[in-house]
Amino acid sequence: MLYYAGKVNQPNETFIEYVLNCEEIITAAEDKDIFEVIFNKVAGDQVDTRVKVNVYEEIDKIVQESKEAEESEPPKLETEIRILTSTEL
């Protein structure tokens, strides 16, 4: 279901819970922040920027391959291993 919120990246939690009767969604900005926190915990805060760029490029490549293959399931653990080995982590 799609609905309009007056403020970007600030969904109306009351509307979601009581009117739509569902759980709160994660916005793209929140999803990116969560990924950054996890990445920094796993790789360390001092990781080279080039390595971070490589990780993002590998993730994008895998997403594009998945879309082209019209896969219904998200990538699994072997994909994560592929990302880590190809980006020097």
PDB file of N, CA and C in Angstrom:
ATOM      1  N   MET A   1       0.847  -1.168   0.000  1.00  0.00           N
ATOM      2  CA  MET A   1       0.000   0.000   0.000  1.00  0.00           C
ATOM      3  C   MET A   1       0.897   1.237   0.000  1.00  0.00           C
ATOM      4  N   LEU A   2       0.476   2.237  -0.668  1.00  0.00           N
ATOM      5  CA  LEU A   2       1.232   3.470  -0.783  1.00  0.00           C
ATOM      6  C   LEU A   2       0.410   4.611  -0.199  1.00  0.00           C
ATOM      7  N   TYR A   3       1.070   5.466   0.562  1.00  0.00           N
ATOM      8  CA  TYR A   3       0.394   6.649   1.084  1.00  0.00           C
ATOM      9  C   TYR A   3       1.364   7.816   1.069  1.00  0.00           C
ATOM     10  N   TYR A   4       0.836   8.994   1.128  1.00  0.00           N
ATOM     11  CA  TYR A   4       1.630  10.215   1.089  1.00  0.00           C
ATOM     12  C   TYR A   4       1.818  10.752   2.499  1.00  0.00           C
ATOM     13  N   ALA A   5       3.070  11.080   2.830  1.00  0.00           N
ATOM     14  CA  ALA A   5       3.380  11.719   4.114  1.00  0.00           C
ATOM     15  C   ALA A   5       3.818  13.144   3.815  1.00  0.00           C
ATOM     16  N   GLY A   6       3.433  14.053   4.651  1.00  0.00           N
ATOM     17  CA  GLY A   6       3.730  15.464   4.432  1.00  0.00           C
ATOM     18  C   GLY A   6       5.212  15.796   4.463  1.00  0.00           C
ATOM     19  N   LYS A   7       5.979  15.040   5.230  1.00  0.00           N
ATOM     20  CA  LYS A   7       7.408  15.314   5.364  1.00  0.00           C
ATOM     21  C   LYS A   7       8.205  14.128   4.829  1.00  0.00           C
ATOM     22  N   VAL A   8       9.219  14.422   4.044  1.00  0.00           N
ATOM     23  CA  VAL A   8      10.063  13.398   3.460  1.00  0.00           C
ATOM     24  C   VAL A   8      10.795  12.637   4.560  1.00  0.00           C
ATOM     25  N   ASN A   9      10.846  11.319   4.434  1.00  0.00           N
ATOM     26  CA  ASN A   9      11.540  10.433   5.369  1.00  0.00           C
ATOM     27  C   ASN A   9      11.041  10.544   6.805  1.00  0.00           C
ATOM     28  N   GLN A  10       9.814  10.991   6.996  1.00  0.00           N
ATOM     29  CA  GLN A  10       9.210  11.050   8.320  1.00  0.00           C
ATOM     30  C   GLN A  10       7.791  10.488   8.239  1.00  0.00           C
ATOM     31  N   PRO A  11       7.690   9.149   8.169  1.00  0.00           N
ATOM     32  CA  PRO A  11       6.357   8.559   8.067  1.00  0.00           C
ATOM     33  C   PRO A  11       5.527   8.813   9.323  1.00  0.00           C
ATOM     34  N   ASN A  12       4.229   8.899   9.151  1.00  0.00           N
ATOM     35  CA  ASN A  12       3.308   9.116  10.258  1.00  0.00           C
ATOM     36  C   ASN A  12       3.066   7.786  10.959  1.00  0.00           C
ATOM     37  N   GLU A  13       3.731   7.569  12.097  1.00  0.00           N
ATOM     38  CA  GLU A  13       3.681   6.292  12.800  1.00  0.00           C
ATOM     39  C   GLU A  13       2.274   5.950  13.281  1.00  0.00           C
ATOM     40  N   THR A  14       1.524   6.927  13.740  1.00  0.00           N
ATOM     41  CA  THR A  14       0.168   6.688  14.219  1.00  0.00           C
ATOM     42  C   THR A  14      -0.719   6.212  13.066  1.00  0.00           C
ATOM     43  N   PHE A  15      -0.611   6.869  11.927  1.00  0.00           N
ATOM     44  CA  PHE A  15      -1.387   6.478  10.755  1.00  0.00           C
ATOM     45  C   PHE A  15      -1.051   5.050  10.330  1.00  0.00           C
ATOM     46  N   ILE A  16       0.233   4.738  10.309  1.00  0.00           N
ATOM     47  CA  ILE A  16       0.675   3.406   9.906  1.00  0.00           C
ATOM     48  C   ILE A  16       0.119   2.346  10.852  1.00  0.00           C
ATOM     49  N   GLU A  17       0.216   2.608  12.145  1.00  0.00           N
ATOM     50  CA  GLU A  17      -0.206   1.613  13.130  1.00  0.00           C
ATOM     51  C   GLU A  17      -1.723   1.460  13.219  1.00  0.00           C
ATOM     52  N   TYR A  18      -2.446   2.571  13.332  1.00  0.00           N
ATOM     53  CA  TYR A  18      -3.882   2.488  13.611  1.00  0.00           C
ATOM     54  C   TYR A  18      -4.787   2.476  12.377  1.00  0.00           C
ATOM     55  N   VAL A  19      -4.379   3.124  11.310  1.00  0.00           N
ATOM     56  CA  VAL A  19      -5.221   3.154  10.116  1.00  0.00           C
ATOM     57  C   VAL A  19      -4.860   2.017   9.171  1.00  0.00           C
ATOM     58  N   LEU A  20      -3.579   1.884   8.880  1.00  0.00           N
ATOM     59  CA  LEU A  20      -3.151   0.830   7.967  1.00  0.00           C
ATOM     60  C   LEU A  20      -3.001  -0.519   8.675  1.00  0.00           C
ATOM     61  N   ASN A  21      -2.932  -0.474   9.998  1.00  0.00           N
ATOM     62  CA  ASN A  21      -2.807  -1.666  10.821  1.00  0.00           C
ATOM     63  C   ASN A  21      -1.602  -2.516  10.411  1.00  0.00           C
ATOM     64  N   CYS A  22      -0.444  -1.864  10.316  1.00  0.00           N
ATOM     65  CA  CYS A  22       0.778  -2.584   9.980  1.00  0.00           C
ATOM     66  C   CYS A  22       1.956  -1.985  10.742  1.00  0.00           C
ATOM     67  N   GLU A  23       3.110  -2.589  10.581  1.00  0.00           N
ATOM     68  CA  GLU A  23       4.303  -2.132  11.281  1.00  0.00           C
ATOM     69  C   GLU A  23       4.952  -0.966  10.541  1.00  0.00           C
ATOM     70  N   GLU A  24       5.752  -0.242  11.282  1.00  0.00           N
ATOM     71  CA  GLU A  24       6.469   0.889  10.703  1.00  0.00           C
ATOM     72  C   GLU A  24       7.449   0.403   9.645  1.00  0.00           C
ATOM     73  N   ILE A  25       7.571   1.171   8.586  1.00  0.00           N
ATOM     74  CA  ILE A  25       8.503   0.851   7.521  1.00  0.00           C
ATOM     75  C   ILE A  25       9.831   1.559   7.767  1.00  0.00           C
ATOM     76  N   ILE A  26      10.849   1.086   7.105  1.00  0.00           N
ATOM     77  CA  ILE A  26      12.155   1.741   7.178  1.00  0.00           C
ATOM     78  C   ILE A  26      12.315   2.566   5.915  1.00  0.00           C
ATOM     79  N   THR A  27      12.613   3.847   6.087  1.00  0.00           N
ATOM     80  CA  THR A  27      12.814   4.712   4.928  1.00  0.00           C
ATOM     81  C   THR A  27      14.172   4.409   4.291  1.00  0.00           C
ATOM     82  N   ALA A  28      14.373   4.867   3.089  1.00  0.00           N
ATOM     83  CA  ALA A  28      15.641   4.662   2.399  1.00  0.00           C
ATOM     84  C   ALA A  28      16.791   5.301   3.171  1.00  0.00           C
ATOM     85  N   ALA A  29      16.557   6.476   3.745  1.00  0.00           N
ATOM     86  CA  ALA A  29      17.596   7.159   4.517  1.00  0.00           C
ATOM     87  C   ALA A  29      17.955   6.356   5.770  1.00  0.00           C
ATOM     88  N   GLU A  30      16.936   5.810   6.450  1.00  0.00           N
ATOM     89  CA  GLU A  30      17.192   4.989   7.636  1.00  0.00           C
ATOM     90  C   GLU A  30      17.921   3.711   7.257  1.00  0.00           C
ATOM     91  N   ASP A  31      17.522   3.110   6.141  1.00  0.00           N
ATOM     92  CA  ASP A  31      18.164   1.891   5.663  1.00  0.00           C
ATOM     93  C   ASP A  31      19.646   2.141   5.370  1.00  0.00           C
ATOM     94  N   LYS A  32      19.942   3.264   4.756  1.00  0.00           N
ATOM     95  CA  LYS A  32      21.336   3.624   4.451  1.00  0.00           C
ATOM     96  C   LYS A  32      22.128   3.832   5.732  1.00  0.00           C
ATOM     97  N   ASP A  33      21.532   4.525   6.706  1.00  0.00           N
ATOM     98  CA  ASP A  33      22.213   4.758   7.988  1.00  0.00           C
ATOM     99  C   ASP A  33      22.503   3.442   8.708  1.00  0.00           C
ATOM    100  N   ILE A  34      21.539   2.532   8.691  1.00  0.00           N
ATOM    101  CA  ILE A  34      21.727   1.228   9.336  1.00  0.00           C
ATOM    102  C   ILE A  34      22.860   0.469   8.655  1.00  0.00           C
ATOM    103  N   PHE A  35      22.885   0.501   7.322  1.00  0.00           N
ATOM    104  CA  PHE A  35      23.949  -0.177   6.587  1.00  0.00           C
ATOM    105  C   PHE A  35      25.310   0.404   6.953  1.00  0.00           C
ATOM    106  N   GLU A  36      25.405   1.722   7.030  1.00  0.00           N
ATOM    107  CA  GLU A  36      26.670   2.377   7.375  1.00  0.00           C
ATOM    108  C   GLU A  36      27.156   1.944   8.762  1.00  0.00           C
ATOM    109  N   VAL A  37      26.252   1.880   9.724  1.00  0.00           N
ATOM    110  CA  VAL A  37      26.620   1.477  11.086  1.00  0.00           C
ATOM    111  C   VAL A  37      27.139   0.039  11.082  1.00  0.00           C
ATOM    112  N   ILE A  38      26.406  -0.849  10.416  1.00  0.00           N
ATOM    113  CA  ILE A  38      26.826  -2.255  10.354  1.00  0.00           C
ATOM    114  C   ILE A  38      28.159  -2.381   9.633  1.00  0.00           C
ATOM    115  N   PHE A  39      28.291  -1.682   8.515  1.00  0.00           N
ATOM    116  CA  PHE A  39      29.542  -1.747   7.745  1.00  0.00           C
ATOM    117  C   PHE A  39      30.727  -1.291   8.591  1.00  0.00           C
ATOM    118  N   ASN A  40      30.564  -0.181   9.300  1.00  0.00           N
ATOM    119  CA  ASN A  40      31.658   0.339  10.121  1.00  0.00           C
ATOM    120  C   ASN A  40      31.992  -0.588  11.283  1.00  0.00           C
ATOM    121  N   LYS A  41      30.985  -1.270  11.845  1.00  0.00           N
ATOM    122  CA  LYS A  41      31.254  -2.227  12.922  1.00  0.00           C
ATOM    123  C   LYS A  41      32.011  -3.437  12.397  1.00  0.00           C
ATOM    124  N   VAL A  42      31.648  -3.891  11.209  1.00  0.00           N
ATOM    125  CA  VAL A  42      32.285  -5.074  10.638  1.00  0.00           C
ATOM    126  C   VAL A  42      33.671  -4.746  10.103  1.00  0.00           C
ATOM    127  N   ALA A  43      33.773  -3.688   9.334  1.00  0.00           N
ATOM    128  CA  ALA A  43      35.026  -3.369   8.645  1.00  0.00           C
ATOM    129  C   ALA A  43      35.933  -2.448   9.454  1.00  0.00           C
ATOM    130  N   GLY A  44      35.373  -1.739  10.419  1.00  0.00           N
ATOM    131  CA  GLY A  44      36.171  -0.792  11.190  1.00  0.00           C
ATOM    132  C   GLY A  44      36.033   0.609  10.632  1.00  0.00           C
ATOM    133  N   ASP A  45      36.181   1.573  11.501  1.00  0.00           N
ATOM    134  CA  ASP A  45      36.017   2.971  11.104  1.00  0.00           C
ATOM    135  C   ASP A  45      37.141   3.470  10.213  1.00  0.00           C
ATOM    136  N   GLN A  46      38.278   2.804  10.246  1.00  0.00           N
ATOM    137  CA  GLN A  46      39.442   3.284   9.510  1.00  0.00           C
ATOM    138  C   GLN A  46      39.604   2.630   8.139  1.00  0.00           C
ATOM    139  N   VAL A  47      38.531   2.040   7.624  1.00  0.00           N
ATOM    140  CA  VAL A  47      38.613   1.362   6.336  1.00  0.00           C
ATOM    141  C   VAL A  47      38.837   2.384   5.214  1.00  0.00           C
ATOM    142  N   ASP A  48      39.648   1.991   4.246  1.00  0.00           N
ATOM    143  CA  ASP A  48      39.971   2.858   3.112  1.00  0.00           C
ATOM    144  C   ASP A  48      38.710   3.171   2.307  1.00  0.00           C
ATOM    145  N   THR A  49      38.568   4.408   1.878  1.00  0.00           N
ATOM    146  CA  THR A  49      37.399   4.835   1.103  1.00  0.00           C
ATOM    147  C   THR A  49      37.249   4.016  -0.171  1.00  0.00           C
ATOM    148  N   ARG A  50      38.349   3.648  -0.766  1.00  0.00           N
ATOM    149  CA  ARG A  50      38.332   2.841  -1.989  1.00  0.00           C
ATOM    150  C   ARG A  50      37.646   1.499  -1.735  1.00  0.00           C
ATOM    151  N   VAL A  51      37.897   0.915  -0.577  1.00  0.00           N
ATOM    152  CA  VAL A  51      37.279  -0.364  -0.227  1.00  0.00           C
ATOM    153  C   VAL A  51      35.768  -0.184  -0.062  1.00  0.00           C
ATOM    154  N   LYS A  52      35.352   0.907   0.583  1.00  0.00           N
ATOM    155  CA  LYS A  52      33.920   1.186   0.745  1.00  0.00           C
ATOM    156  C   LYS A  52      33.243   1.337  -0.617  1.00  0.00           C
ATOM    157  N   VAL A  53      33.880   2.048  -1.519  1.00  0.00           N
ATOM    158  CA  VAL A  53      33.335   2.242  -2.865  1.00  0.00           C
ATOM    159  C   VAL A  53      33.204   0.889  -3.561  1.00  0.00           C
ATOM    160  N   ASN A  54      34.208   0.032  -3.409  1.00  0.00           N
ATOM    161  CA  ASN A  54      34.159  -1.292  -4.020  1.00  0.00           C
ATOM    162  C   ASN A  54      32.993  -2.114  -3.471  1.00  0.00           C
ATOM    163  N   VAL A  55      32.739  -2.017  -2.174  1.00  0.00           N
ATOM    164  CA  VAL A  55      31.619  -2.753  -1.571  1.00  0.00           C
ATOM    165  C   VAL A  55      30.310  -2.274  -2.170  1.00  0.00           C
ATOM    166  N   TYR A  56      30.113  -0.960  -2.234  1.00  0.00           N
ATOM    167  CA  TYR A  56      28.881  -0.417  -2.821  1.00  0.00           C
ATOM    168  C   TYR A  56      28.724  -0.833  -4.281  1.00  0.00           C
ATOM    169  N   GLU A  57      29.820  -0.829  -5.040  1.00  0.00           N
ATOM    170  CA  GLU A  57      29.750  -1.233  -6.449  1.00  0.00           C
ATOM    171  C   GLU A  57      29.389  -2.706  -6.585  1.00  0.00           C
ATOM    172  N   GLU A  58      29.961  -3.553  -5.719  1.00  0.00           N
ATOM    173  CA  GLU A  58      29.644  -4.988  -5.750  1.00  0.00           C
ATOM    174  C   GLU A  58      28.195  -5.234  -5.406  1.00  0.00           C
ATOM    175  N   ILE A  59      27.685  -4.532  -4.406  1.00  0.00           N
ATOM    176  CA  ILE A  59      26.280  -4.679  -4.022  1.00  0.00           C
ATOM    177  C   ILE A  59      25.384  -4.265  -5.185  1.00  0.00           C
ATOM    178  N   ASP A  60      25.690  -3.151  -5.805  1.00  0.00           N
ATOM    179  CA  ASP A  60      24.894  -2.690  -6.945  1.00  0.00           C
ATOM    180  C   ASP A  60      24.937  -3.698  -8.089  1.00  0.00           C
ATOM    181  N   LYS A  61      26.100  -4.248  -8.336  1.00  0.00           N
ATOM    182  CA  LYS A  61      26.263  -5.244  -9.394  1.00  0.00           C
ATOM    183  C   LYS A  61      25.386  -6.469  -9.116  1.00  0.00           C
ATOM    184  N   ILE A  62      25.369  -6.932  -7.880  1.00  0.00           N
ATOM    185  CA  ILE A  62      24.568  -8.097  -7.503  1.00  0.00           C
ATOM    186  C   ILE A  62      23.084  -7.793  -7.621  1.00  0.00           C
ATOM    187  N   VAL A  63      22.674  -6.602  -7.212  1.00  0.00           N
ATOM    188  CA  VAL A  63      21.267  -6.204  -7.332  1.00  0.00           C
ATOM    189  C   VAL A  63      20.854  -6.175  -8.794  1.00  0.00           C
ATOM    190  N   GLN A  64      21.693  -5.612  -9.643  1.00  0.00           N
ATOM    191  CA  GLN A  64      21.378  -5.543 -11.070  1.00  0.00           C
ATOM    192  C   GLN A  64      21.289  -6.941 -11.682  1.00  0.00           C
ATOM    193  N   GLU A  65      22.222  -7.831 -11.313  1.00  0.00           N
ATOM    194  CA  GLU A  65      22.191  -9.203 -11.820  1.00  0.00           C
ATOM    195  C   GLU A  65      20.916  -9.909 -11.380  1.00  0.00           C
ATOM    196  N   SER A  66      20.510  -9.672 -10.151  1.00  0.00           N
ATOM    197  CA  SER A  66      19.297 -10.285  -9.612  1.00  0.00           C
ATOM    198  C   SER A  66      18.064  -9.785 -10.363  1.00  0.00           C
ATOM    199  N   LYS A  67      18.032  -8.491 -10.668  1.00  0.00           N
ATOM    200  CA  LYS A  67      16.904  -7.920 -11.423  1.00  0.00           C
ATOM    201  C   LYS A  67      16.853  -8.489 -12.835  1.00  0.00           C
ATOM    202  N   GLU A  68      18.023  -8.582 -13.481  1.00  0.00           N
ATOM    203  CA  GLU A  68      18.080  -9.092 -14.849  1.00  0.00           C
ATOM    204  C   GLU A  68      17.643 -10.551 -14.913  1.00  0.00           C
ATOM    205  N   ALA A  69      17.983 -11.316 -13.884  1.00  0.00           N
ATOM    206  CA  ALA A  69      17.612 -12.728 -13.840  1.00  0.00           C
ATOM    207  C   ALA A  69      16.185 -12.909 -13.330  1.00  0.00           C
ATOM    208  N   GLU A  70      15.562 -11.813 -12.947  1.00  0.00           N
ATOM    209  CA  GLU A  70      14.200 -11.809 -12.416  1.00  0.00           C
ATOM    210  C   GLU A  70      14.031 -12.795 -11.270  1.00  0.00           C
ATOM    211  N   GLU A  71      15.009 -12.786 -10.364  1.00  0.00           N
ATOM    212  CA  GLU A  71      14.967 -13.661  -9.196  1.00  0.00           C
ATOM    213  C   GLU A  71      13.972 -13.112  -8.190  1.00  0.00           C
ATOM    214  N   SER A  72      13.198 -14.001  -7.601  1.00  0.00           N
ATOM    215  CA  SER A  72      12.197 -13.564  -6.629  1.00  0.00           C
ATOM    216  C   SER A  72      12.751 -13.500  -5.213  1.00  0.00           C
ATOM    217  N   GLU A  73      13.839 -14.220  -4.945  1.00  0.00           N
ATOM    218  CA  GLU A  73      14.423 -14.223  -3.606  1.00  0.00           C
ATOM    219  C   GLU A  73      15.632 -13.293  -3.559  1.00  0.00           C
ATOM    220  N   PRO A  74      15.860 -12.649  -2.418  1.00  0.00           N
ATOM    221  CA  PRO A  74      17.033 -11.789  -2.290  1.00  0.00           C
ATOM    222  C   PRO A  74      18.317 -12.616  -2.249  1.00  0.00           C
ATOM    223  N   PRO A  75      19.457 -12.004  -2.570  1.00  0.00           N
ATOM    224  CA  PRO A  75      20.732 -12.718  -2.515  1.00  0.00           C
ATOM    225  C   PRO A  75      20.986 -13.284  -1.114  1.00  0.00           C
ATOM    226  N   LYS A  76      21.706 -14.395  -1.045  1.00  0.00           N
ATOM    227  CA  LYS A  76      21.946 -15.086   0.217  1.00  0.00           C
ATOM    228  C   LYS A  76      23.403 -14.991   0.639  1.00  0.00           C
ATOM    229  N   LEU A  77      23.798 -15.800   1.600  1.00  0.00           N
ATOM    230  CA  LEU A  77      25.122 -15.757   2.215  1.00  0.00           C
ATOM    231  C   LEU A  77      26.254 -15.837   1.201  1.00  0.00           C
ATOM    232  N   GLU A  78      26.132 -16.684   0.198  1.00  0.00           N
ATOM    233  CA  GLU A  78      27.211 -16.798  -0.780  1.00  0.00           C
ATOM    234  C   GLU A  78      27.456 -15.476  -1.494  1.00  0.00           C
ATOM    235  N   THR A  79      26.427 -14.664  -1.626  1.00  0.00           N
ATOM    236  CA  THR A  79      26.570 -13.337  -2.217  1.00  0.00           C
ATOM    237  C   THR A  79      27.386 -12.448  -1.298  1.00  0.00           C
ATOM    238  N   GLU A  80      27.118 -12.512  -0.003  1.00  0.00           N
ATOM    239  CA  GLU A  80      27.864 -11.706   0.963  1.00  0.00           C
ATOM    240  C   GLU A  80      29.336 -12.086   0.953  1.00  0.00           C
ATOM    241  N   ILE A  81      29.611 -13.370   0.863  1.00  0.00           N
ATOM    242  CA  ILE A  81      31.002 -13.829   0.810  1.00  0.00           C
ATOM    243  C   ILE A  81      31.666 -13.302  -0.452  1.00  0.00           C
ATOM    244  N   ARG A  82      30.932 -13.326  -1.572  1.00  0.00           N
ATOM    245  CA  ARG A  82      31.469 -12.806  -2.838  1.00  0.00           C
ATOM    246  C   ARG A  82      31.820 -11.330  -2.718  1.00  0.00           C
ATOM    247  N   ILE A  83      30.970 -10.569  -2.058  1.00  0.00           N
ATOM    248  CA  ILE A  83      31.233  -9.134  -1.872  1.00  0.00           C
ATOM    249  C   ILE A  83      32.491  -8.933  -1.047  1.00  0.00           C
ATOM    250  N   LEU A  84      32.600  -9.639   0.059  1.00  0.00           N
ATOM    251  CA  LEU A  84      33.739  -9.457   0.951  1.00  0.00           C
ATOM    252  C   LEU A  84      35.052  -9.885   0.298  1.00  0.00           C
ATOM    253  N   THR A  85      35.052 -10.980  -0.452  1.00  0.00           N
ATOM    254  CA  THR A  85      36.295 -11.422  -1.087  1.00  0.00           C
ATOM    255  C   THR A  85      36.692 -10.530  -2.250  1.00  0.00           C
ATOM    256  N   SER A  86      35.718  -9.969  -2.949  1.00  0.00           N
ATOM    257  CA  SER A  86      36.065  -9.146  -4.107  1.00  0.00           C
ATOM    258  C   SER A  86      36.409  -7.703  -3.719  1.00  0.00           C
ATOM    259  N   THR A  87      36.169  -7.319  -2.470  1.00  0.00           N
ATOM    260  CA  THR A  87      36.445  -5.938  -2.061  1.00  0.00           C
ATOM    261  C   THR A  87      37.573  -5.835  -1.038  1.00  0.00           C
ATOM    262  N   GLU A  88      38.309  -6.917  -0.857  1.00  0.00           N
ATOM    263  CA  GLU A  88      39.479  -6.920   0.018  1.00  0.00           C
ATOM    264  C   GLU A  88      39.137  -6.762   1.500  1.00  0.00           C
ATOM    265  N   LEU A  89      37.967  -7.166   1.935  1.00  0.00           N
ATOM    266  CA  LEU A  89      37.615  -7.099   3.358  1.00  0.00           C
ATOM    267  C   LEU A  89      37.891  -8.420   4.014  1.00  0.00           C
TER     268      LEU A  89
END
